[in-house]
Amino acid sequence: MGGQRVHQYTMRLLTVSILMSLVLAGCATKPVPVVPKFPVAPEMLLTKCPELKTIEGDKVNIIDYTKTVTENYTMYHECSAVHDSFIDWYNKQKHIFEEIK
């Protein structure tokens, strides 16, 4: 009776060992390819700058001129800030991407 238990234990151990060998061999033969992808830029940074405003008409008064220049100046600096943010973001992401390779 005791010899039969030892035989069953040995058979179970042998079966588990064979199964584990097959599982590990299967994992070792098929490596999973890891290809890093360059990240997509945030949508806010991909929008184009708005067109600058112009003054219409033959007569231009100083108030319209000043208002238009001020609005264009503001739009330029807002767009410049976004563009600078994009350049910073892009350079950081590219550096991280190249470190992974």
C-alpha atoms as a PDB file:
ATOM      1  CA  MET A   1       0.000   0.000   0.000  1.00  0.00           C
ATOM      2  CA  GLY A   2       2.841   2.417   0.885  1.00  0.00           C
ATOM      3  CA  GLY A   3       4.683   1.599  -2.345  1.00  0.00           C
ATOM      4  CA  GLN A   4       1.598   2.459  -4.385  1.00  0.00           C
ATOM      5  CA  ARG A   5       1.427   5.954  -2.812  1.00  0.00           C
ATOM      6  CA  VAL A   6       5.066   6.581  -3.594  1.00  0.00           C
ATOM      7  CA  HIS A   7       4.424   5.443  -7.184  1.00  0.00           C
ATOM      8  CA  GLN A   8       1.403   7.794  -7.535  1.00  0.00           C
ATOM      9  CA  TYR A   9       3.358  10.686  -6.046  1.00  0.00           C
ATOM     10  CA  THR A  10       6.247   9.996  -8.425  1.00  0.00           C
ATOM     11  CA  MET A  11       3.881   9.866 -11.428  1.00  0.00           C
ATOM     12  CA  ARG A  12       2.218  13.156 -10.446  1.00  0.00           C
ATOM     13  CA  LEU A  13       5.583  14.828  -9.949  1.00  0.00           C
ATOM     14  CA  LEU A  14       6.768  13.522 -13.314  1.00  0.00           C
ATOM     15  CA  THR A  15       3.574  14.725 -15.020  1.00  0.00           C
ATOM     16  CA  VAL A  16       3.853  18.210 -13.483  1.00  0.00           C
ATOM     17  CA  SER A  17       7.535  18.392 -14.439  1.00  0.00           C
ATOM     18  CA  ILE A  18       6.783  17.472 -18.059  1.00  0.00           C
ATOM     19  CA  LEU A  19       3.932  19.996 -18.270  1.00  0.00           C
ATOM     20  CA  MET A  20       6.057  22.769 -16.775  1.00  0.00           C
ATOM     21  CA  SER A  21       8.859  21.972 -19.237  1.00  0.00           C
ATOM     22  CA  LEU A  22       6.433  22.212 -22.150  1.00  0.00           C
ATOM     23  CA  VAL A  23       4.969  25.491 -20.918  1.00  0.00           C
ATOM     24  CA  LEU A  24       8.390  27.046 -20.393  1.00  0.00           C
ATOM     25  CA  ALA A  25       9.671  25.752 -23.738  1.00  0.00           C
ATOM     26  CA  GLY A  26       6.629  27.229 -25.488  1.00  0.00           C
ATOM     27  CA  CYS A  27       7.252  30.623 -23.912  1.00  0.00           C
ATOM     28  CA  ALA A  28      10.922  30.560 -24.825  1.00  0.00           C
ATOM     29  CA  THR A  29      10.398  29.837 -28.527  1.00  0.00           C
ATOM     30  CA  LYS A  30       8.004  32.693 -29.330  1.00  0.00           C
ATOM     31  CA  PRO A  31       9.288  36.055 -28.167  1.00  0.00           C
ATOM     32  CA  VAL A  32       6.774  38.826 -28.148  1.00  0.00           C
ATOM     33  CA  PRO A  33       7.961  41.675 -30.364  1.00  0.00           C
ATOM     34  CA  VAL A  34       7.861  45.003 -28.592  1.00  0.00           C
ATOM     35  CA  VAL A  35       7.825  47.958 -30.938  1.00  0.00           C
ATOM     36  CA  PRO A  36       7.651  51.347 -29.270  1.00  0.00           C
ATOM     37  CA  LYS A  37       5.331  53.818 -30.961  1.00  0.00           C
ATOM     38  CA  PHE A  38       6.041  57.509 -31.056  1.00  0.00           C
ATOM     39  CA  PRO A  39       3.319  59.277 -29.042  1.00  0.00           C
ATOM     40  CA  VAL A  40       0.586  61.317 -30.663  1.00  0.00           C
ATOM     41  CA  ALA A  41       0.747  65.047 -30.040  1.00  0.00           C
ATOM     42  CA  PRO A  42      -1.991  66.628 -27.922  1.00  0.00           C
ATOM     43  CA  GLU A  43      -4.820  68.020 -30.049  1.00  0.00           C
ATOM     44  CA  MET A  44      -4.359  71.537 -28.659  1.00  0.00           C
ATOM     45  CA  LEU A  45      -0.819  71.629 -30.032  1.00  0.00           C
ATOM     46  CA  LEU A  46      -1.888  70.549 -33.521  1.00  0.00           C
ATOM     47  CA  THR A  47      -4.246  73.440 -34.242  1.00  0.00           C
ATOM     48  CA  LYS A  48      -3.098  76.091 -36.659  1.00  0.00           C
ATOM     49  CA  CYS A  49      -2.695  79.690 -35.638  1.00  0.00           C
ATOM     50  CA  PRO A  50      -5.595  81.963 -36.583  1.00  0.00           C
ATOM     51  CA  GLU A  51      -5.249  84.421 -39.432  1.00  0.00           C
ATOM     52  CA  LEU A  52      -4.241  87.910 -38.377  1.00  0.00           C
ATOM     53  CA  LYS A  53      -6.924  90.550 -38.713  1.00  0.00           C
ATOM     54  CA  THR A  54      -6.755  93.306 -41.281  1.00  0.00           C
ATOM     55  CA  ILE A  55      -8.338  96.714 -41.410  1.00  0.00           C
ATOM     56  CA  GLU A  56     -10.968  97.074 -44.110  1.00  0.00           C
ATOM     57  CA  GLY A  57     -11.934 100.300 -45.882  1.00  0.00           C
ATOM     58  CA  ASP A  58     -10.280 103.398 -47.284  1.00  0.00           C
ATOM     59  CA  LYS A  59     -10.352 105.465 -44.122  1.00  0.00           C
ATOM     60  CA  VAL A  60      -8.743 104.112 -41.006  1.00  0.00           C
ATOM     61  CA  ASN A  61      -9.172 105.782 -37.670  1.00  0.00           C
ATOM     62  CA  ILE A  62      -6.681 105.429 -34.863  1.00  0.00           C
ATOM     63  CA  ILE A  63      -9.101 103.471 -32.655  1.00  0.00           C
ATOM     64  CA  ASP A  64      -9.652 100.710 -35.251  1.00  0.00           C
ATOM     65  CA  TYR A  65      -5.943 100.665 -36.036  1.00  0.00           C
ATOM     66  CA  THR A  66      -4.955 100.313 -32.380  1.00  0.00           C
ATOM     67  CA  LYS A  67      -7.634  97.690 -31.710  1.00  0.00           C
ATOM     68  CA  THR A  68      -6.542  95.576 -34.699  1.00  0.00           C
ATOM     69  CA  VAL A  69      -2.843  95.831 -33.850  1.00  0.00           C
ATOM     70  CA  THR A  70      -3.533  94.893 -30.219  1.00  0.00           C
ATOM     71  CA  GLU A  71      -5.665  91.876 -31.207  1.00  0.00           C
ATOM     72  CA  ASN A  72      -3.031  90.682 -33.696  1.00  0.00           C
ATOM     73  CA  TYR A  73      -0.289  91.147 -31.126  1.00  0.00           C
ATOM     74  CA  THR A  74      -2.277  89.110 -28.589  1.00  0.00           C
ATOM     75  CA  MET A  75      -3.079  86.341 -31.093  1.00  0.00           C
ATOM     76  CA  TYR A  76       0.572  86.126 -32.121  1.00  0.00           C
ATOM     77  CA  HIS A  77       1.809  85.741 -28.551  1.00  0.00           C
ATOM     78  CA  GLU A  78      -0.876  83.153 -27.691  1.00  0.00           C
ATOM     79  CA  CYS A  79       0.009  81.131 -30.774  1.00  0.00           C
ATOM     80  CA  SER A  80       3.715  81.522 -30.043  1.00  0.00           C
ATOM     81  CA  ALA A  81       3.190  80.115 -26.534  1.00  0.00           C
ATOM     82  CA  VAL A  82       1.343  77.087 -27.934  1.00  0.00           C
ATOM     83  CA  HIS A  83       4.022  76.548 -30.572  1.00  0.00           C
ATOM     84  CA  ASP A  84       6.790  76.766 -27.969  1.00  0.00           C
ATOM     85  CA  SER A  85       4.888  74.249 -25.824  1.00  0.00           C
ATOM     86  CA  PHE A  86       4.704  71.899 -28.783  1.00  0.00           C
ATOM     87  CA  ILE A  87       8.440  72.162 -29.403  1.00  0.00           C
ATOM     88  CA  ASP A  88       9.159  71.398 -25.731  1.00  0.00           C
ATOM     89  CA  TRP A  89       6.709  68.481 -25.723  1.00  0.00           C
ATOM     90  CA  TYR A  90       8.104  67.072 -28.967  1.00  0.00           C
ATOM     91  CA  ASN A  91      11.729  67.271 -27.831  1.00  0.00           C
ATOM     92  CA  LYS A  92      10.937  65.569 -24.499  1.00  0.00           C
ATOM     93  CA  GLN A  93       8.945  62.798 -26.185  1.00  0.00           C
ATOM     94  CA  LYS A  94      11.637  62.247 -28.814  1.00  0.00           C
ATOM     95  CA  HIS A  95      14.302  62.007 -26.094  1.00  0.00           C
ATOM     96  CA  ILE A  96      12.222  59.428 -24.186  1.00  0.00           C
ATOM     97  CA  PHE A  97      11.518  57.510 -27.424  1.00  0.00           C
ATOM     98  CA  GLU A  98      15.201  57.353 -28.353  1.00  0.00           C
ATOM     99  CA  GLU A  99      16.164  56.150 -24.862  1.00  0.00           C
ATOM    100  CA  ILE A 100      13.828  53.176 -25.272  1.00  0.00           C
ATOM    101  CA  LYS A 101      15.466  51.988 -28.489  1.00  0.00           C
END
